[in-house]
C-alpha atoms as a PDB file:
ATOM      1  CA  UNK A   1      -2.211   4.998  -9.963  1.00  0.00           C
ATOM      2  CA  UNK A   2      -3.481   7.857 -12.269  1.00  0.00           C
ATOM      3  CA  UNK A   3      -6.938   6.064 -12.480  1.00  0.00           C
ATOM      4  CA  UNK A   4      -7.110   4.837  -8.907  1.00  0.00           C
ATOM      5  CA  UNK A   5     -10.380   6.804  -8.442  1.00  0.00           C
ATOM      6  CA  UNK A   6     -11.992   4.950 -11.229  1.00  0.00           C
ATOM      7  CA  UNK A   7     -10.463   1.530 -10.121  1.00  0.00           C
ATOM      8  CA  UNK A   8     -11.751   2.056  -6.553  1.00  0.00           C
ATOM      9  CA  UNK A   9     -15.250   2.434  -7.735  1.00  0.00           C
ATOM     10  CA  UNK A  10     -14.875  -0.729  -9.695  1.00  0.00           C
ATOM     11  CA  UNK A  11     -13.345  -3.390  -7.485  1.00  0.00           C
ATOM     12  CA  UNK A  12     -14.388  -6.262  -9.948  1.00  0.00           C
ATOM     13  CA  UNK A  13     -11.644  -4.753 -12.249  1.00  0.00           C
ATOM     14  CA  UNK A  14      -9.301  -3.574  -9.529  1.00  0.00           C
ATOM     15  CA  UNK A  15      -8.954  -6.880  -7.637  1.00  0.00           C
ATOM     16  CA  UNK A  16      -7.878  -8.979 -10.729  1.00  0.00           C
ATOM     17  CA  UNK A  17      -5.696  -6.314 -12.030  1.00  0.00           C
ATOM     18  CA  UNK A  18      -3.897  -6.184  -8.690  1.00  0.00           C
ATOM     19  CA  UNK A  19      -3.718  -9.835  -8.426  1.00  0.00           C
ATOM     20  CA  UNK A  20      -2.088 -10.165 -11.899  1.00  0.00           C
ATOM     21  CA  UNK A  21       0.252  -7.277 -11.298  1.00  0.00           C
ATOM     22  CA  UNK A  22       1.728  -9.044  -8.143  1.00  0.00           C
ATOM     23  CA  UNK A  23       2.192 -12.115 -10.382  1.00  0.00           C
ATOM     24  CA  UNK A  24       3.825 -10.039 -13.016  1.00  0.00           C
ATOM     25  CA  UNK A  25       5.962  -8.283 -10.287  1.00  0.00           C
ATOM     26  CA  UNK A  26       7.249 -11.432  -8.936  1.00  0.00           C
ATOM     27  CA  UNK A  27       7.800 -13.607 -11.968  1.00  0.00           C
ATOM     28  CA  UNK A  28       8.969 -10.803 -14.646  1.00  0.00           C
ATOM     29  CA  UNK A  29      10.371  -8.180 -12.517  1.00  0.00           C
ATOM     30  CA  UNK A  30      11.802 -10.403  -9.991  1.00  0.00           C
ATOM     31  CA  UNK A  31      12.772 -13.825 -11.179  1.00  0.00           C
ATOM     32  CA  UNK A  32      13.221 -13.042 -14.824  1.00  0.00           C
ATOM     33  CA  UNK A  33      14.629  -9.531 -14.824  1.00  0.00           C
ATOM     34  CA  UNK A  34      16.310  -9.878 -11.384  1.00  0.00           C
ATOM     35  CA  UNK A  35      15.314  -6.160 -10.819  1.00  0.00           C
ATOM     36  CA  UNK A  36      14.758  -6.465  -7.062  1.00  0.00           C
ATOM     37  CA  UNK A  37      15.754  -3.193  -5.508  1.00  0.00           C
ATOM     38  CA  UNK A  38      17.847  -3.297  -2.301  1.00  0.00           C
ATOM     39  CA  UNK A  39      18.879  -1.074   0.523  1.00  0.00           C
ATOM     40  CA  UNK A  40      22.387  -1.500  -0.791  1.00  0.00           C
ATOM     41  CA  UNK A  41      21.282   0.587  -3.781  1.00  0.00           C
ATOM     42  CA  UNK A  42      20.191   3.442  -1.266  1.00  0.00           C
ATOM     43  CA  UNK A  43      23.628   3.122   0.619  1.00  0.00           C
ATOM     44  CA  UNK A  44      25.422   3.173  -2.636  1.00  0.00           C
ATOM     45  CA  UNK A  45      23.785   6.259  -3.866  1.00  0.00           C
ATOM     46  CA  UNK A  46      24.308   7.893  -0.553  1.00  0.00           C
ATOM     47  CA  UNK A  47      27.792   7.314  -0.377  1.00  0.00           C
ATOM     48  CA  UNK A  48      28.211   8.475  -4.143  1.00  0.00           C
ATOM     49  CA  UNK A  49      26.711  11.872  -3.006  1.00  0.00           C
ATOM     50  CA  UNK A  50      29.546  12.183  -0.336  1.00  0.00           C
ATOM     51  CA  UNK A  51      32.446  10.871  -2.177  1.00  0.00           C
ATOM     52  CA  UNK A  52      31.570  12.213  -5.696  1.00  0.00           C
ATOM     53  CA  UNK A  53      28.457  11.233  -7.744  1.00  0.00           C
ATOM     54  CA  UNK A  54      28.827   9.394 -11.055  1.00  0.00           C
ATOM     55  CA  UNK A  55      26.286   8.151 -13.381  1.00  0.00           C
ATOM     56  CA  UNK A  56      28.298   4.902 -14.462  1.00  0.00           C
ATOM     57  CA  UNK A  57      27.674   2.793 -11.428  1.00  0.00           C
ATOM     58  CA  UNK A  58      23.847   3.319 -11.775  1.00  0.00           C
ATOM     59  CA  UNK A  59      23.690   2.535 -15.525  1.00  0.00           C
ATOM     60  CA  UNK A  60      25.254  -0.987 -15.234  1.00  0.00           C
ATOM     61  CA  UNK A  61      21.789  -2.465 -15.025  1.00  0.00           C
ATOM     62  CA  UNK A  62      19.229  -0.830 -17.163  1.00  0.00           C
ATOM     63  CA  UNK A  63      16.255  -2.532 -15.725  1.00  0.00           C
ATOM     64  CA  UNK A  64      17.193  -1.224 -12.237  1.00  0.00           C
ATOM     65  CA  UNK A  65      17.926   2.231 -13.271  1.00  0.00           C
ATOM     66  CA  UNK A  66      14.369   2.323 -14.979  1.00  0.00           C
ATOM     67  CA  UNK A  67      12.956   0.975 -11.901  1.00  0.00           C
ATOM     68  CA  UNK A  68      14.762   3.389  -9.642  1.00  0.00           C
ATOM     69  CA  UNK A  69      13.714   6.401 -11.868  1.00  0.00           C
ATOM     70  CA  UNK A  70      10.142   5.495 -11.439  1.00  0.00           C
ATOM     71  CA  UNK A  71      10.423   4.886  -7.825  1.00  0.00           C
ATOM     72  CA  UNK A  72      11.861   8.445  -7.517  1.00  0.00           C
ATOM     73  CA  UNK A  73       9.017  10.052  -9.303  1.00  0.00           C
ATOM     74  CA  UNK A  74       6.400   7.929  -7.441  1.00  0.00           C
ATOM     75  CA  UNK A  75       8.012   8.897  -4.115  1.00  0.00           C
ATOM     76  CA  UNK A  76       7.141  12.516  -4.732  1.00  0.00           C
ATOM     77  CA  UNK A  77       3.705  11.914  -5.998  1.00  0.00           C
ATOM     78  CA  UNK A  78       2.435   9.066  -3.903  1.00  0.00           C
ATOM     79  CA  UNK A  79       4.934   7.996  -1.209  1.00  0.00           C
ATOM     80  CA  UNK A  80       6.803   4.559  -0.849  1.00  0.00           C
ATOM     81  CA  UNK A  81       3.410   2.725  -1.107  1.00  0.00           C
ATOM     82  CA  UNK A  82       3.446   2.452  -4.926  1.00  0.00           C
ATOM     83  CA  UNK A  83       6.811   0.421  -4.847  1.00  0.00           C
ATOM     84  CA  UNK A  84       6.107  -1.528  -1.739  1.00  0.00           C
ATOM     85  CA  UNK A  85       2.538  -2.542  -2.745  1.00  0.00           C
ATOM     86  CA  UNK A  86       3.052  -2.954  -6.484  1.00  0.00           C
ATOM     87  CA  UNK A  87       6.619  -3.370  -7.569  1.00  0.00           C
ATOM     88  CA  UNK A  88       8.759  -5.309  -4.802  1.00  0.00           C
ATOM     89  CA  UNK A  89       8.930  -8.854  -5.916  1.00  0.00           C
ATOM     90  CA  UNK A  90       9.582 -10.192  -2.441  1.00  0.00           C
ATOM     91  CA  UNK A  91       6.562  -8.108  -1.170  1.00  0.00           C
ATOM     92  CA  UNK A  92       4.520  -9.656  -3.832  1.00  0.00           C
ATOM     93  CA  UNK A  93       5.724 -13.162  -2.953  1.00  0.00           C
ATOM     94  CA  UNK A  94       4.762 -12.722   0.816  1.00  0.00           C
ATOM     95  CA  UNK A  95       1.307 -11.182  -0.429  1.00  0.00           C
ATOM     96  CA  UNK A  96       0.544 -14.194  -2.595  1.00  0.00           C
ATOM     97  CA  UNK A  97       1.612 -16.583   0.121  1.00  0.00           C
ATOM     98  CA  UNK A  98      -0.579 -14.913   2.566  1.00  0.00           C
ATOM     99  CA  UNK A  99      -3.512 -14.966   0.169  1.00  0.00           C
ATOM    100  CA  UNK A 100      -3.174 -18.649  -0.255  1.00  0.00           C
ATOM    101  CA  UNK A 101      -2.895 -19.149   3.537  1.00  0.00           C
ATOM    102  CA  UNK A 102      -6.185 -17.400   3.917  1.00  0.00           C
ATOM    103  CA  UNK A 103      -7.898 -19.404   1.412  1.00  0.00           C
ATOM    104  CA  UNK A 104      -6.600 -22.630   3.227  1.00  0.00           C
ATOM    105  CA  UNK A 105      -8.258 -21.229   6.525  1.00  0.00           C
ATOM    106  CA  UNK A 106      -4.797 -20.440   8.107  1.00  0.00           C
ATOM    107  CA  UNK A 107      -5.408 -18.397  11.353  1.00  0.00           C
ATOM    108  CA  UNK A 108      -4.052 -15.003  11.056  1.00  0.00           C
ATOM    109  CA  UNK A 109      -1.932 -13.352  13.978  1.00  0.00           C
ATOM    110  CA  UNK A 110      -2.282  -9.775  14.355  1.00  0.00           C
ATOM    111  CA  UNK A 111      -0.385  -7.922  17.236  1.00  0.00           C
ATOM    112  CA  UNK A 112      -2.249  -5.186  19.202  1.00  0.00           C
ATOM    113  CA  UNK A 113      -1.952  -1.651  17.383  1.00  0.00           C
ATOM    114  CA  UNK A 114       0.060  -0.153  20.345  1.00  0.00           C
ATOM    115  CA  UNK A 115       2.774  -2.839  19.895  1.00  0.00           C
ATOM    116  CA  UNK A 116       2.474  -2.910  16.173  1.00  0.00           C
ATOM    117  CA  UNK A 117       3.220   0.729  15.988  1.00  0.00           C
ATOM    118  CA  UNK A 118       6.446   0.484  18.361  1.00  0.00           C
ATOM    119  CA  UNK A 119       7.673  -2.617  15.974  1.00  0.00           C
ATOM    120  CA  UNK A 120       7.789  -0.070  13.112  1.00  0.00           C
ATOM    121  CA  UNK A 121      10.885   1.458  14.672  1.00  0.00           C
ATOM    122  CA  UNK A 122      12.850  -1.747  14.066  1.00  0.00           C
ATOM    123  CA  UNK A 123      13.343  -1.282  10.325  1.00  0.00           C
ATOM    124  CA  UNK A 124      14.414   2.413  10.902  1.00  0.00           C
ATOM    125  CA  UNK A 125      17.066   1.063  13.400  1.00  0.00           C
ATOM    126  CA  UNK A 126      18.438  -1.525  10.799  1.00  0.00           C
ATOM    127  CA  UNK A 127      18.594   1.221   8.272  1.00  0.00           C
ATOM    128  CA  UNK A 128      20.589   3.588  10.611  1.00  0.00           C
ATOM    129  CA  UNK A 129      23.010   0.776  11.412  1.00  0.00           C
ATOM    130  CA  UNK A 130      23.518  -0.104   7.841  1.00  0.00           C
ATOM    131  CA  UNK A 131      24.352   3.442   7.082  1.00  0.00           C
ATOM    132  CA  UNK A 132      26.474   3.936   9.906  1.00  0.00           C
ATOM    133  CA  UNK A 133      28.635   0.757   8.827  1.00  0.00           C
ATOM    134  CA  UNK A 134      28.652   2.062   5.265  1.00  0.00           C
ATOM    135  CA  UNK A 135      30.247   5.146   6.214  1.00  0.00           C
ATOM    136  CA  UNK A 136      33.213   3.113   7.291  1.00  0.00           C
ATOM    137  CA  UNK A 137      33.004   0.341   4.677  1.00  0.00           C
ATOM    138  CA  UNK A 138      30.329   0.095   1.964  1.00  0.00           C
ATOM    139  CA  UNK A 139      31.572  -3.621   1.366  1.00  0.00           C
ATOM    140  CA  UNK A 140      31.041  -4.401   4.968  1.00  0.00           C
ATOM    141  CA  UNK A 141      27.522  -2.688   4.813  1.00  0.00           C
ATOM    142  CA  UNK A 142      26.559  -4.972   1.863  1.00  0.00           C
ATOM    143  CA  UNK A 143      27.573  -7.954   4.061  1.00  0.00           C
ATOM    144  CA  UNK A 144      25.249  -7.150   6.691  1.00  0.00           C
ATOM    145  CA  UNK A 145      22.503  -5.994   4.119  1.00  0.00           C
ATOM    146  CA  UNK A 146      21.945  -9.767   4.020  1.00  0.00           C
ATOM    147  CA  UNK A 147      19.271  -9.054   6.587  1.00  0.00           C
ATOM    148  CA  UNK A 148      17.257  -8.613   3.313  1.00  0.00           C
ATOM    149  CA  UNK A 149      16.339 -12.048   1.830  1.00  0.00           C
ATOM    150  CA  UNK A 150      15.858 -10.520  -1.583  1.00  0.00           C
ATOM    151  CA  UNK A 151      19.118 -11.993  -2.843  1.00  0.00           C
ATOM    152  CA  UNK A 152      18.432 -15.452  -1.680  1.00  0.00           C
ATOM    153  CA  UNK A 153      14.548 -15.428  -2.691  1.00  0.00           C
ATOM    154  CA  UNK A 154      14.545 -13.420  -5.854  1.00  0.00           C
ATOM    155  CA  UNK A 155      18.086 -12.709  -7.362  1.00  0.00           C
ATOM    156  CA  UNK A 156      19.200 -16.251  -6.970  1.00  0.00           C
ATOM    157  CA  UNK A 157      15.972 -17.880  -7.034  1.00  0.00           C
ATOM    158  CA  UNK A 158      16.561 -19.816  -3.726  1.00  0.00           C
ATOM    159  CA  UNK A 159      19.777 -21.503  -5.051  1.00  0.00           C
ATOM    160  CA  UNK A 160      21.857 -20.731  -2.145  1.00  0.00           C
ATOM    161  CA  UNK A 161      23.591 -22.030   1.130  1.00  0.00           C
ATOM    162  CA  UNK A 162      21.221 -23.555   3.611  1.00  0.00           C
ATOM    163  CA  UNK A 163      21.604 -20.926   6.314  1.00  0.00           C
ATOM    164  CA  UNK A 164      20.488 -17.869   3.753  1.00  0.00           C
ATOM    165  CA  UNK A 165      17.736 -20.334   2.471  1.00  0.00           C
ATOM    166  CA  UNK A 166      16.372 -21.150   5.954  1.00  0.00           C
ATOM    167  CA  UNK A 167      16.336 -17.424   6.877  1.00  0.00           C
ATOM    168  CA  UNK A 168      14.336 -16.459   3.627  1.00  0.00           C
ATOM    169  CA  UNK A 169      11.917 -19.388   3.815  1.00  0.00           C
ATOM    170  CA  UNK A 170      11.339 -18.641   7.586  1.00  0.00           C
ATOM    171  CA  UNK A 171      10.288 -14.943   6.704  1.00  0.00           C
ATOM    172  CA  UNK A 172       8.027 -16.356   3.893  1.00  0.00           C
ATOM    173  CA  UNK A 173       6.384 -18.913   6.305  1.00  0.00           C
ATOM    174  CA  UNK A 174       5.678 -16.188   8.760  1.00  0.00           C
ATOM    175  CA  UNK A 175       3.958 -14.078   6.215  1.00  0.00           C
ATOM    176  CA  UNK A 176       1.359 -16.859   5.942  1.00  0.00           C
ATOM    177  CA  UNK A 177       0.355 -16.046   9.542  1.00  0.00           C
ATOM    178  CA  UNK A 178       0.880 -12.223   9.603  1.00  0.00           C
ATOM    179  CA  UNK A 179       0.544 -10.366   6.315  1.00  0.00           C
ATOM    180  CA  UNK A 180       3.812  -9.006   5.110  1.00  0.00           C
ATOM    181  CA  UNK A 181       5.588  -9.342   8.411  1.00  0.00           C
ATOM    182  CA  UNK A 182       9.126  -8.529   6.855  1.00  0.00           C
ATOM    183  CA  UNK A 183       7.872  -5.520   5.164  1.00  0.00           C
ATOM    184  CA  UNK A 184       6.130  -4.070   8.142  1.00  0.00           C
ATOM    185  CA  UNK A 185       8.927  -4.563  10.753  1.00  0.00           C
ATOM    186  CA  UNK A 186      12.235  -5.545   9.156  1.00  0.00           C
ATOM    187  CA  UNK A 187      12.673  -3.966   5.775  1.00  0.00           C
ATOM    188  CA  UNK A 188      15.429  -1.432   5.761  1.00  0.00           C
ATOM    189  CA  UNK A 189      14.526  -0.561   2.142  1.00  0.00           C
ATOM    190  CA  UNK A 190      11.107   0.300   2.968  1.00  0.00           C
ATOM    191  CA  UNK A 191      12.315   2.494   5.808  1.00  0.00           C
ATOM    192  CA  UNK A 192      14.804   4.074   3.274  1.00  0.00           C
ATOM    193  CA  UNK A 193      12.051   4.958   1.004  1.00  0.00           C
ATOM    194  CA  UNK A 194       9.708   6.165   3.612  1.00  0.00           C
ATOM    195  CA  UNK A 195      12.043   8.981   4.774  1.00  0.00           C
ATOM    196  CA  UNK A 196      12.203  10.980   1.410  1.00  0.00           C
ATOM    197  CA  UNK A 197       8.334  10.106   0.766  1.00  0.00           C
ATOM    198  CA  UNK A 198       7.553  12.605   3.493  1.00  0.00           C
ATOM    199  CA  UNK A 199       8.224  15.198   0.851  1.00  0.00           C
ATOM    200  CA  UNK A 200       5.361  13.795  -1.321  1.00  0.00           C
ATOM    201  CA  UNK A 201       3.342  16.524  -2.943  1.00  0.00           C
ATOM    202  CA  UNK A 202      -0.190  14.999  -2.962  1.00  0.00           C
ATOM    203  CA  UNK A 203      -2.270  13.158  -0.667  1.00  0.00           C
ATOM    204  CA  UNK A 204      -4.619  10.817  -2.891  1.00  0.00           C
ATOM    205  CA  UNK A 205      -6.209   8.548  -0.222  1.00  0.00           C
ATOM    206  CA  UNK A 206      -9.698  10.010   0.433  1.00  0.00           C
ATOM    207  CA  UNK A 207     -11.323   9.800   4.015  1.00  0.00           C
ATOM    208  CA  UNK A 208     -14.690  10.953   5.365  1.00  0.00           C
ATOM    209  CA  UNK A 209     -14.225  13.649   7.699  1.00  0.00           C
ATOM    210  CA  UNK A 210     -15.884  13.047  11.140  1.00  0.00           C
ATOM    211  CA  UNK A 211     -16.488   9.301  10.459  1.00  0.00           C
ATOM    212  CA  UNK A 212     -13.370   7.418   9.522  1.00  0.00           C
ATOM    213  CA  UNK A 213     -11.955   6.077  12.745  1.00  0.00           C
ATOM    214  CA  UNK A 214     -14.607   7.626  14.949  1.00  0.00           C
ATOM    215  CA  UNK A 215     -16.657   5.581  15.294  1.00  0.00           C
ATOM    216  CA  UNK A 216     -16.020   3.509  12.046  1.00  0.00           C
ATOM    217  CA  UNK A 217     -13.079   1.184  11.946  1.00  0.00           C
ATOM    218  CA  UNK A 218     -13.847  -0.904   8.904  1.00  0.00           C
ATOM    219  CA  UNK A 219     -10.862   0.312   6.759  1.00  0.00           C
ATOM    220  CA  UNK A 220      -8.625  -0.005   9.811  1.00  0.00           C
ATOM    221  CA  UNK A 221      -9.523  -3.569  10.550  1.00  0.00           C
ATOM    222  CA  UNK A 222      -9.248  -4.388   6.851  1.00  0.00           C
ATOM    223  CA  UNK A 223      -5.670  -2.654   6.091  1.00  0.00           C
ATOM    224  CA  UNK A 224      -3.468  -5.293   4.974  1.00  0.00           C
ATOM    225  CA  UNK A 225      -0.526  -3.859   6.669  1.00  0.00           C
ATOM    226  CA  UNK A 226      -2.441  -2.012   9.479  1.00  0.00           C
ATOM    227  CA  UNK A 227      -1.279   1.345   8.408  1.00  0.00           C
ATOM    228  CA  UNK A 228      -4.502   3.136   9.440  1.00  0.00           C
ATOM    229  CA  UNK A 229      -4.475   4.500  13.111  1.00  0.00           C
ATOM    230  CA  UNK A 230      -7.585   3.960  15.298  1.00  0.00           C
ATOM    231  CA  UNK A 231      -8.444   7.752  14.787  1.00  0.00           C
ATOM    232  CA  UNK A 232      -8.688   7.084  11.090  1.00  0.00           C
ATOM    233  CA  UNK A 233      -5.493   8.673  10.045  1.00  0.00           C
ATOM    234  CA  UNK A 234      -3.582   6.739   7.268  1.00  0.00           C
ATOM    235  CA  UNK A 235       0.096   6.564   7.921  1.00  0.00           C
ATOM    236  CA  UNK A 236       1.588   7.218   4.612  1.00  0.00           C
ATOM    237  CA  UNK A 237       5.048   5.908   5.614  1.00  0.00           C
ATOM    238  CA  UNK A 238       3.461   2.461   6.365  1.00  0.00           C
ATOM    239  CA  UNK A 239       0.796   2.363   3.574  1.00  0.00           C
ATOM    240  CA  UNK A 240       1.429  -0.010   0.668  1.00  0.00           C
ATOM    241  CA  UNK A 241      -1.127   1.523  -1.505  1.00  0.00           C
ATOM    242  CA  UNK A 242      -3.337  -1.618  -1.941  1.00  0.00           C
ATOM    243  CA  UNK A 243      -6.359   0.801  -2.313  1.00  0.00           C
ATOM    244  CA  UNK A 244      -8.694  -1.363  -0.323  1.00  0.00           C
ATOM    245  CA  UNK A 245      -9.743   1.598   1.854  1.00  0.00           C
ATOM    246  CA  UNK A 246     -10.653   3.577  -1.139  1.00  0.00           C
ATOM    247  CA  UNK A 247     -12.807   0.688  -2.518  1.00  0.00           C
ATOM    248  CA  UNK A 248     -14.563   0.646   0.952  1.00  0.00           C
ATOM    249  CA  UNK A 249     -14.854   4.533   0.862  1.00  0.00           C
ATOM    250  CA  UNK A 250     -17.038   4.426  -2.141  1.00  0.00           C
ATOM    251  CA  UNK A 251     -18.991   1.350  -1.323  1.00  0.00           C
ATOM    252  CA  UNK A 252     -22.554   2.378  -0.415  1.00  0.00           C
ATOM    253  CA  UNK A 253     -23.182  -1.099   1.095  1.00  0.00           C
ATOM    254  CA  UNK A 254     -20.384  -1.167   3.621  1.00  0.00           C
ATOM    255  CA  UNK A 255     -19.220   2.353   4.444  1.00  0.00           C
ATOM    256  CA  UNK A 256     -21.522   4.095   6.889  1.00  0.00           C
ATOM    257  CA  UNK A 257     -21.368   7.694   5.470  1.00  0.00           C
ATOM    258  CA  UNK A 258     -21.942   6.225   1.925  1.00  0.00           C
ATOM    259  CA  UNK A 259     -24.898   4.058   3.375  1.00  0.00           C
ATOM    260  CA  UNK A 260     -26.372   7.266   4.883  1.00  0.00           C
ATOM    261  CA  UNK A 261     -26.093   8.887   1.669  1.00  0.00           C
ATOM    262  CA  UNK A 262     -27.676   6.161  -0.379  1.00  0.00           C
ATOM    263  CA  UNK A 263     -30.587   6.036   1.917  1.00  0.00           C
ATOM    264  CA  UNK A 264     -31.195   9.737   1.580  1.00  0.00           C
ATOM    265  CA  UNK A 265     -31.095   9.345  -2.272  1.00  0.00           C
ATOM    266  CA  UNK A 266     -33.526   6.399  -2.049  1.00  0.00           C
ATOM    267  CA  UNK A 267     -35.856   8.266   0.243  1.00  0.00           C
ATOM    268  CA  UNK A 268     -35.930  11.349  -2.090  1.00  0.00           C
ATOM    269  CA  UNK A 269     -36.657   8.942  -5.088  1.00  0.00           C
ATOM    270  CA  UNK A 270     -39.548   7.461  -3.198  1.00  0.00           C
ATOM    271  CA  UNK A 271     -40.915  10.936  -2.578  1.00  0.00           C
ATOM    272  CA  UNK A 272     -40.568  11.623  -6.328  1.00  0.00           C
ATOM    273  CA  UNK A 273     -43.047   8.865  -7.065  1.00  0.00           C
ATOM    274  CA  UNK A 274     -45.588   9.703  -4.479  1.00  0.00           C
ATOM    275  CA  UNK A 275     -48.842  10.596  -6.170  1.00  0.00           C
ATOM    276  CA  UNK A 276     -50.334  12.536  -3.179  1.00  0.00           C
ATOM    277  CA  UNK A 277     -47.125  13.998  -1.868  1.00  0.00           C
ATOM    278  CA  UNK A 278     -46.229  16.546  -4.314  1.00  0.00           C
ATOM    279  CA  UNK A 279     -42.414  16.408  -3.653  1.00  0.00           C
ATOM    280  CA  UNK A 280     -39.832  14.918  -5.924  1.00  0.00           C
ATOM    281  CA  UNK A 281     -36.087  14.570  -5.909  1.00  0.00           C
ATOM    282  CA  UNK A 282     -34.176  16.696  -8.264  1.00  0.00           C
ATOM    283  CA  UNK A 283     -31.342  14.881  -9.943  1.00  0.00           C
ATOM    284  CA  UNK A 284     -29.746  18.187 -11.029  1.00  0.00           C
ATOM    285  CA  UNK A 285     -29.279  19.053  -7.424  1.00  0.00           C
ATOM    286  CA  UNK A 286     -28.352  15.582  -6.219  1.00  0.00           C
ATOM    287  CA  UNK A 287     -25.157  16.906  -4.703  1.00  0.00           C
ATOM    288  CA  UNK A 288     -27.139  19.581  -2.544  1.00  0.00           C
ATOM    289  CA  UNK A 289     -29.712  16.928  -1.877  1.00  0.00           C
ATOM    290  CA  UNK A 290     -32.555  19.346  -2.286  1.00  0.00           C
ATOM    291  CA  UNK A 291     -36.254  18.492  -2.778  1.00  0.00           C
ATOM    292  CA  UNK A 292     -38.526  20.555  -5.155  1.00  0.00           C
ATOM    293  CA  UNK A 293     -42.235  20.929  -4.522  1.00  0.00           C
ATOM    294  CA  UNK A 294     -44.504  20.357  -7.209  1.00  0.00           C
ATOM    295  CA  UNK A 295     -47.925  22.295  -7.010  1.00  0.00           C
ATOM    296  CA  UNK A 296     -51.014  20.109  -6.926  1.00  0.00           C
ATOM    297  CA  UNK A 297     -54.157  20.595  -9.068  1.00  0.00           C
ATOM    298  CA  UNK A 298     -55.906  22.315  -6.314  1.00  0.00           C
ATOM    299  CA  UNK A 299     -53.046  24.947  -5.979  1.00  0.00           C
ATOM    300  CA  UNK A 300     -52.794  25.437  -9.793  1.00  0.00           C
END
């Protein structure tokens, strides 16, 4: 993440890196280390603040403790997207399934943005319901937290009763037609992380003022979780930090403002090589796009 600017300028490095990281997250963090975070962890932490905080319950699993510590830091610096897009094993599983489906030419189903925006609320309603139940009984809330398929698909590696197995497989199957369907609309963990991420200190994702969203919709159409509004704004609460929009931002073959800038530079370079025209492009002033006039022999 600290080198996201460099990576966004070199998609041939970023794409295989991200692909490999998703596999690492699913296989090592998820199926091997069983370090799948859950909304239960958030409910436990919240209840511990109310009833009396104790480190003992959070140090039982070192891998989960390390992961939660990093997520706490990344929430303040980048928002929820770093975890949801890079470190969630079930999210990585959905992503890989969707990529495979696209390669097999499976038709993708996308809902209109107006409806999509309203469906975001479902995961927050689920979170609030679980939190209300946890205030009465944390064990009961853990039971209802089975709305998360994480335990079935990741922690128990699909070794579970048929009802839980069918639910998890159904969500994975849906992700083949709609990218990260569960993450977008149903995940209470994502909702729980989105709330404190509103306090993030920085906004690292760049946009072209006056161009992104009006009229250009390239990034909005390509966003894997449709977290970019039609007006060009990136909803940090829904962004999974895939960096696709940043790759497009720097692409002078696809991004309209960058195409215009490239053409201006090319025109200036052509003028610099004109034997009669006495104008040349000054690389030292490339940022200001100034032209210098070179006097002709007659003027000398």
